[in-house]
PDB file of N, CA and C in Angstrom:
ATOM      1  N   MET A   1       0.501  -1.575   0.353  1.00  0.00           N
ATOM      2  CA  MET A   1       0.231   0.078   0.353  1.00  0.00           C
ATOM      3  C   MET A   1       0.746   1.111  -0.025  1.00  0.00           C
ATOM      4  N   SER A   2       0.896   2.314  -0.656  1.00  0.00           N
ATOM      5  CA  SER A   2       1.164   3.409  -0.802  1.00  0.00           C
ATOM      6  C   SER A   2       1.079   4.292  -0.118  1.00  0.00           C
ATOM      7  N   GLY A   3       1.558   5.423   0.490  1.00  0.00           N
ATOM      8  CA  GLY A   3       1.413   6.142   1.252  1.00  0.00           C
ATOM      9  C   GLY A   3       0.540   6.818   1.290  1.00  0.00           C
ATOM     10  N   LEU A   4      -0.131   7.494   0.093  1.00  0.00           N
ATOM     11  CA  LEU A   4      -1.108   7.769  -0.359  1.00  0.00           C
ATOM     12  C   LEU A   4      -2.397   7.087  -0.256  1.00  0.00           C
ATOM     13  N   ALA A   5      -2.711   5.911  -0.649  1.00  0.00           N
ATOM     14  CA  ALA A   5      -2.843   5.082  -0.155  1.00  0.00           C
ATOM     15  C   ALA A   5      -3.539   5.106   1.519  1.00  0.00           C
ATOM     16  N   LEU A   6      -2.587   4.929   1.913  1.00  0.00           N
ATOM     17  CA  LEU A   6      -2.751   5.020   3.706  1.00  0.00           C
ATOM     18  C   LEU A   6      -3.699   5.935   3.967  1.00  0.00           C
ATOM     19  N   LEU A   7      -3.082   7.617   3.313  1.00  0.00           N
ATOM     20  CA  LEU A   7      -3.724   8.131   4.015  1.00  0.00           C
ATOM     21  C   LEU A   7      -5.080   8.641   3.695  1.00  0.00           C
ATOM     22  N   LYS A   8      -5.398   8.373   2.578  1.00  0.00           N
ATOM     23  CA  LYS A   8      -6.665   8.110   2.116  1.00  0.00           C
ATOM     24  C   LYS A   8      -8.012   6.892   2.896  1.00  0.00           C
ATOM     25  N   ASN A   9      -6.945   5.924   3.540  1.00  0.00           N
ATOM     26  CA  ASN A   9      -7.690   5.054   4.297  1.00  0.00           C
ATOM     27  C   ASN A   9      -7.767   5.471   5.687  1.00  0.00           C
ATOM     28  N   ILE A  10      -7.032   5.936   5.984  1.00  0.00           N
ATOM     29  CA  ILE A  10      -6.671   6.964   7.744  1.00  0.00           C
ATOM     30  C   ILE A  10      -7.768   7.870   7.331  1.00  0.00           C
ATOM     31  N   LYS A  11      -8.326   8.631   6.921  1.00  0.00           N
ATOM     32  CA  LYS A  11      -8.723   9.862   7.031  1.00  0.00           C
ATOM     33  C   LYS A  11     -10.454   9.854   6.348  1.00  0.00           C
ATOM     34  N   GLU A  12     -10.498   7.967   5.808  1.00  0.00           N
ATOM     35  CA  GLU A  12     -11.540   7.727   5.278  1.00  0.00           C
ATOM     36  C   GLU A  12     -12.348   6.962   6.661  1.00  0.00           C
ATOM     37  N   ASN A  13     -11.546   6.039   7.145  1.00  0.00           N
ATOM     38  CA  ASN A  13     -11.962   4.939   7.733  1.00  0.00           C
ATOM     39  C   ASN A  13     -11.941   5.164   9.895  1.00  0.00           C
ATOM     40  N   TYR A  14     -11.148   6.548  10.007  1.00  0.00           N
ATOM     41  CA  TYR A  14     -11.065   6.581  10.932  1.00  0.00           C
ATOM     42  C   TYR A  14     -12.134   7.140  12.089  1.00  0.00           C
ATOM     43  N   GLU A  15     -12.631   7.259  13.073  1.00  0.00           N
ATOM     44  CA  GLU A  15     -13.175   7.722  13.766  1.00  0.00           C
ATOM     45  C   GLU A  15     -12.924   9.601  13.507  1.00  0.00           C
ATOM     46  N   LYS A  16     -14.034  10.580  13.963  1.00  0.00           N
ATOM     47  CA  LYS A  16     -13.339  11.777  13.769  1.00  0.00           C
ATOM     48  C   LYS A  16     -13.375  12.265  15.244  1.00  0.00           C
ATOM     49  N   PRO A  17     -12.304  12.965  15.399  1.00  0.00           N
ATOM     50  CA  PRO A  17     -11.493  13.451  14.371  1.00  0.00           C
ATOM     51  C   PRO A  17     -10.612  12.139  14.114  1.00  0.00           C
ATOM     52  N   ALA A  18      -9.860  12.407  12.710  1.00  0.00           N
ATOM     53  CA  ALA A  18      -8.650  11.609  12.440  1.00  0.00           C
ATOM     54  C   ALA A  18      -7.880  11.911  12.647  1.00  0.00           C
ATOM     55  N   PRO A  19      -6.522  11.104  13.013  1.00  0.00           N
ATOM     56  CA  PRO A  19      -5.495  11.448  13.499  1.00  0.00           C
ATOM     57  C   PRO A  19      -5.036  12.239  12.499  1.00  0.00           C
ATOM     58  N   LYS A  20      -3.710  13.117  13.088  1.00  0.00           N
ATOM     59  CA  LYS A  20      -3.116  13.769  12.389  1.00  0.00           C
ATOM     60  C   LYS A  20      -1.815  13.251  11.444  1.00  0.00           C
ATOM     61  N   VAL A  21      -1.879  13.399  10.431  1.00  0.00           N
ATOM     62  CA  VAL A  21      -1.047  12.795   9.165  1.00  0.00           C
ATOM     63  C   VAL A  21      -0.086  13.829   8.969  1.00  0.00           C
ATOM     64  N   MET A  22       1.214  13.461   8.856  1.00  0.00           N
ATOM     65  CA  MET A  22       2.293  14.178   8.040  1.00  0.00           C
ATOM     66  C   MET A  22       2.718  13.404   6.908  1.00  0.00           C
ATOM     67  N   MET A  23       2.953  13.788   6.121  1.00  0.00           N
ATOM     68  CA  MET A  23       3.292  12.598   4.920  1.00  0.00           C
ATOM     69  C   MET A  23       5.006  12.859   4.685  1.00  0.00           C
ATOM     70  N   ILE A  24       5.423  12.286   4.946  1.00  0.00           N
ATOM     71  CA  ILE A  24       7.334  12.213   4.545  1.00  0.00           C
ATOM     72  C   ILE A  24       7.861  11.147   3.441  1.00  0.00           C
ATOM     73  N   THR A  25       8.281  12.178   2.644  1.00  0.00           N
ATOM     74  CA  THR A  25       8.597  11.575   1.268  1.00  0.00           C
ATOM     75  C   THR A  25       9.784  11.894   0.314  1.00  0.00           C
ATOM     76  N   ALA A  26      10.510  10.598  -0.588  1.00  0.00           N
ATOM     77  CA  ALA A  26      11.649  11.090  -1.007  1.00  0.00           C
ATOM     78  C   ALA A  26      10.838  11.831  -2.412  1.00  0.00           C
ATOM     79  N   TYR A  27       9.425  11.404  -3.016  1.00  0.00           N
ATOM     80  CA  TYR A  27       8.976  12.199  -4.031  1.00  0.00           C
ATOM     81  C   TYR A  27       8.636  13.582  -3.747  1.00  0.00           C
ATOM     82  N   ASP A  28       9.680  14.431  -4.128  1.00  0.00           N
ATOM     83  CA  ASP A  28       9.862  15.979  -4.097  1.00  0.00           C
ATOM     84  C   ASP A  28       9.043  16.778  -5.624  1.00  0.00           C
ATOM     85  N   ASP A  29       7.905  16.147  -5.496  1.00  0.00           N
ATOM     86  CA  ASP A  29       6.793  16.785  -7.041  1.00  0.00           C
ATOM     87  C   ASP A  29       5.846  17.496  -6.355  1.00  0.00           C
ATOM     88  N   ASP A  30       5.334  18.369  -7.525  1.00  0.00           N
ATOM     89  CA  ASP A  30       3.757  18.985  -6.924  1.00  0.00           C
ATOM     90  C   ASP A  30       2.755  17.893  -7.156  1.00  0.00           C
ATOM     91  N   HIS A  31       2.838  16.902  -7.845  1.00  0.00           N
ATOM     92  CA  HIS A  31       1.485  16.042  -8.193  1.00  0.00           C
ATOM     93  C   HIS A  31       1.505  15.151  -6.753  1.00  0.00           C
ATOM     94  N   ASN A  32       2.883  14.961  -5.888  1.00  0.00           N
ATOM     95  CA  ASN A  32       2.496  13.934  -4.805  1.00  0.00           C
ATOM     96  C   ASN A  32       2.167  15.111  -3.589  1.00  0.00           C
ATOM     97  N   PHE A  33       2.678  16.525  -3.744  1.00  0.00           N
ATOM     98  CA  PHE A  33       2.015  17.438  -2.334  1.00  0.00           C
ATOM     99  C   PHE A  33       0.751  17.452  -2.757  1.00  0.00           C
ATOM    100  N   LYS A  34       0.339  18.120  -4.187  1.00  0.00           N
ATOM    101  CA  LYS A  34      -1.452  18.049  -4.040  1.00  0.00           C
ATOM    102  C   LYS A  34      -2.081  17.313  -4.080  1.00  0.00           C
ATOM    103  N   GLU A  35      -2.186  16.060  -4.296  1.00  0.00           N
ATOM    104  CA  GLU A  35      -2.638  14.963  -4.071  1.00  0.00           C
ATOM    105  C   GLU A  35      -2.518  14.314  -2.324  1.00  0.00           C
ATOM    106  N   ALA A  36      -1.746  14.465  -2.055  1.00  0.00           N
ATOM    107  CA  ALA A  36      -1.669  14.010  -0.302  1.00  0.00           C
ATOM    108  C   ALA A  36      -2.599  15.390   0.438  1.00  0.00           C
ATOM    109  N   MET A  37      -2.315  16.580   0.458  1.00  0.00           N
ATOM    110  CA  MET A  37      -2.920  17.620   0.855  1.00  0.00           C
ATOM    111  C   MET A  37      -4.640  17.619   0.123  1.00  0.00           C
ATOM    112  N   LYS A  38      -4.957  17.209  -1.005  1.00  0.00           N
ATOM    113  CA  LYS A  38      -6.555  16.715  -1.518  1.00  0.00           C
ATOM    114  C   LYS A  38      -7.020  15.509  -0.395  1.00  0.00           C
ATOM    115  N   LEU A  39      -6.142  14.705  -0.354  1.00  0.00           N
ATOM    116  CA  LEU A  39      -6.686  13.578   0.773  1.00  0.00           C
ATOM    117  C   LEU A  39      -6.545  13.947   1.858  1.00  0.00           C
ATOM    118  N   GLY A  40      -6.355  14.764   2.805  1.00  0.00           N
ATOM    119  CA  GLY A  40      -6.122  15.625   3.775  1.00  0.00           C
ATOM    120  C   GLY A  40      -5.197  15.458   4.630  1.00  0.00           C
ATOM    121  N   ALA A  41      -3.825  15.172   4.018  1.00  0.00           N
ATOM    122  CA  ALA A  41      -2.671  15.274   5.065  1.00  0.00           C
ATOM    123  C   ALA A  41      -2.669  16.436   5.963  1.00  0.00           C
ATOM    124  N   ASP A  42      -2.240  16.845   6.417  1.00  0.00           N
ATOM    125  CA  ASP A  42      -1.920  17.704   7.173  1.00  0.00           C
ATOM    126  C   ASP A  42      -0.332  18.622   7.450  1.00  0.00           C
ATOM    127  N   ASP A  43       0.504  17.840   6.642  1.00  0.00           N
ATOM    128  CA  ASP A  43       1.491  18.494   6.390  1.00  0.00           C
ATOM    129  C   ASP A  43       2.420  17.571   5.499  1.00  0.00           C
ATOM    130  N   PHE A  44       3.225  18.340   5.180  1.00  0.00           N
ATOM    131  CA  PHE A  44       4.322  17.618   3.522  1.00  0.00           C
ATOM    132  C   PHE A  44       5.712  17.455   3.937  1.00  0.00           C
ATOM    133  N   LEU A  45       6.453  16.960   3.999  1.00  0.00           N
ATOM    134  CA  LEU A  45       7.946  17.388   3.882  1.00  0.00           C
ATOM    135  C   LEU A  45       8.575  16.024   3.138  1.00  0.00           C
ATOM    136  N   THR A  46       9.801  16.459   2.645  1.00  0.00           N
ATOM    137  CA  THR A  46      10.348  15.708   1.560  1.00  0.00           C
ATOM    138  C   THR A  46      11.798  15.363   2.521  1.00  0.00           C
ATOM    139  N   LYS A  47      12.361  14.043   1.554  1.00  0.00           N
ATOM    140  CA  LYS A  47      13.732  13.836   2.532  1.00  0.00           C
ATOM    141  C   LYS A  47      14.912  14.542   1.477  1.00  0.00           C
ATOM    142  N   PRO A  48      15.886  14.752   1.956  1.00  0.00           N
ATOM    143  CA  PRO A  48      16.424  14.210   3.247  1.00  0.00           C
ATOM    144  C   PRO A  48      15.731  15.331   4.112  1.00  0.00           C
ATOM    145  N   LEU A  49      15.091  15.301   5.419  1.00  0.00           N
ATOM    146  CA  LEU A  49      14.590  16.189   6.422  1.00  0.00           C
ATOM    147  C   LEU A  49      15.612  16.642   7.337  1.00  0.00           C
ATOM    148  N   ASP A  50      15.278  17.914   7.516  1.00  0.00           N
ATOM    149  CA  ASP A  50      15.509  18.512   8.219  1.00  0.00           C
ATOM    150  C   ASP A  50      14.868  18.584   9.579  1.00  0.00           C
ATOM    151  N   PHE A  51      15.765  18.255  10.417  1.00  0.00           N
ATOM    152  CA  PHE A  51      14.610  18.190  11.569  1.00  0.00           C
ATOM    153  C   PHE A  51      14.865  19.361  12.556  1.00  0.00           C
ATOM    154  N   ALA A  52      15.183  20.457  12.623  1.00  0.00           N
ATOM    155  CA  ALA A  52      14.648  21.453  12.949  1.00  0.00           C
ATOM    156  C   ALA A  52      13.454  21.992  12.472  1.00  0.00           C
ATOM    157  N   VAL A  53      13.087  21.771  11.247  1.00  0.00           N
ATOM    158  CA  VAL A  53      11.839  21.766  10.476  1.00  0.00           C
ATOM    159  C   VAL A  53      10.792  21.007  10.647  1.00  0.00           C
ATOM    160  N   LEU A  54      11.329  19.706  10.921  1.00  0.00           N
ATOM    161  CA  LEU A  54      10.427  19.224  11.222  1.00  0.00           C
ATOM    162  C   LEU A  54       9.844  19.069  12.920  1.00  0.00           C
ATOM    163  N   LYS A  55      10.236  19.712  13.495  1.00  0.00           N
ATOM    164  CA  LYS A  55      10.609  19.553  14.800  1.00  0.00           C
ATOM    165  C   LYS A  55       9.395  20.848  15.108  1.00  0.00           C
ATOM    166  N   GLU A  56       9.740  22.238  14.185  1.00  0.00           N
ATOM    167  CA  GLU A  56       8.562  22.834  14.544  1.00  0.00           C
ATOM    168  C   GLU A  56       6.995  22.506  13.787  1.00  0.00           C
ATOM    169  N   LYS A  57       7.280  21.980  12.655  1.00  0.00           N
ATOM    170  CA  LYS A  57       5.767  20.935  11.803  1.00  0.00           C
ATOM    171  C   LYS A  57       5.069  20.694  12.993  1.00  0.00           C
ATOM    172  N   LEU A  58       5.815  19.767  13.473  1.00  0.00           N
ATOM    173  CA  LEU A  58       5.156  19.012  14.930  1.00  0.00           C
ATOM    174  C   LEU A  58       4.688  19.595  15.422  1.00  0.00           C
ATOM    175  N   LYS A  59       5.528  20.767  16.284  1.00  0.00           N
ATOM    176  CA  LYS A  59       4.799  21.417  17.136  1.00  0.00           C
ATOM    177  C   LYS A  59       3.336  21.820  16.623  1.00  0.00           C
ATOM    178  N   ALA A  60       3.470  22.609  15.276  1.00  0.00           N
ATOM    179  CA  ALA A  60       2.332  23.430  14.989  1.00  0.00           C
ATOM    180  C   ALA A  60       1.146  22.482  14.120  1.00  0.00           C
ATOM    181  N   ILE A  61       1.100  21.106  14.296  1.00  0.00           N
ATOM    182  CA  ILE A  61      -0.088  20.392  13.989  1.00  0.00           C
ATOM    183  C   ILE A  61      -0.530  19.673  15.369  1.00  0.00           C
ATOM    184  N   LEU A  62       0.572  19.310  16.361  1.00  0.00           N
ATOM    185  CA  LEU A  62       0.139  18.741  17.653  1.00  0.00           C
ATOM    186  C   LEU A  62      -0.258  19.366  18.543  1.00  0.00           C
ATOM    187  N   PRO A  63      -1.399  18.836  19.377  1.00  0.00           N
ATOM    188  CA  PRO A  63      -1.764  20.130  20.372  1.00  0.00           C
ATOM    189  C   PRO A  63      -0.757  20.047  21.418  1.00  0.00           C
TER     190      PRO A  63
END
């Protein structure tokens, strides 16, 4: 199962509110970004990760 398929499954089948989902991928293209956001991703990062950016983004989406 791809990450996008998993994201779709999570957002459609989990009790509301669905868990927060941050996509982390090696695919740095506009199509994957737009598809992830359309499916309900809360954020999107590409590899290699900048851990300082990851930390800030996690703070922003988590309560």
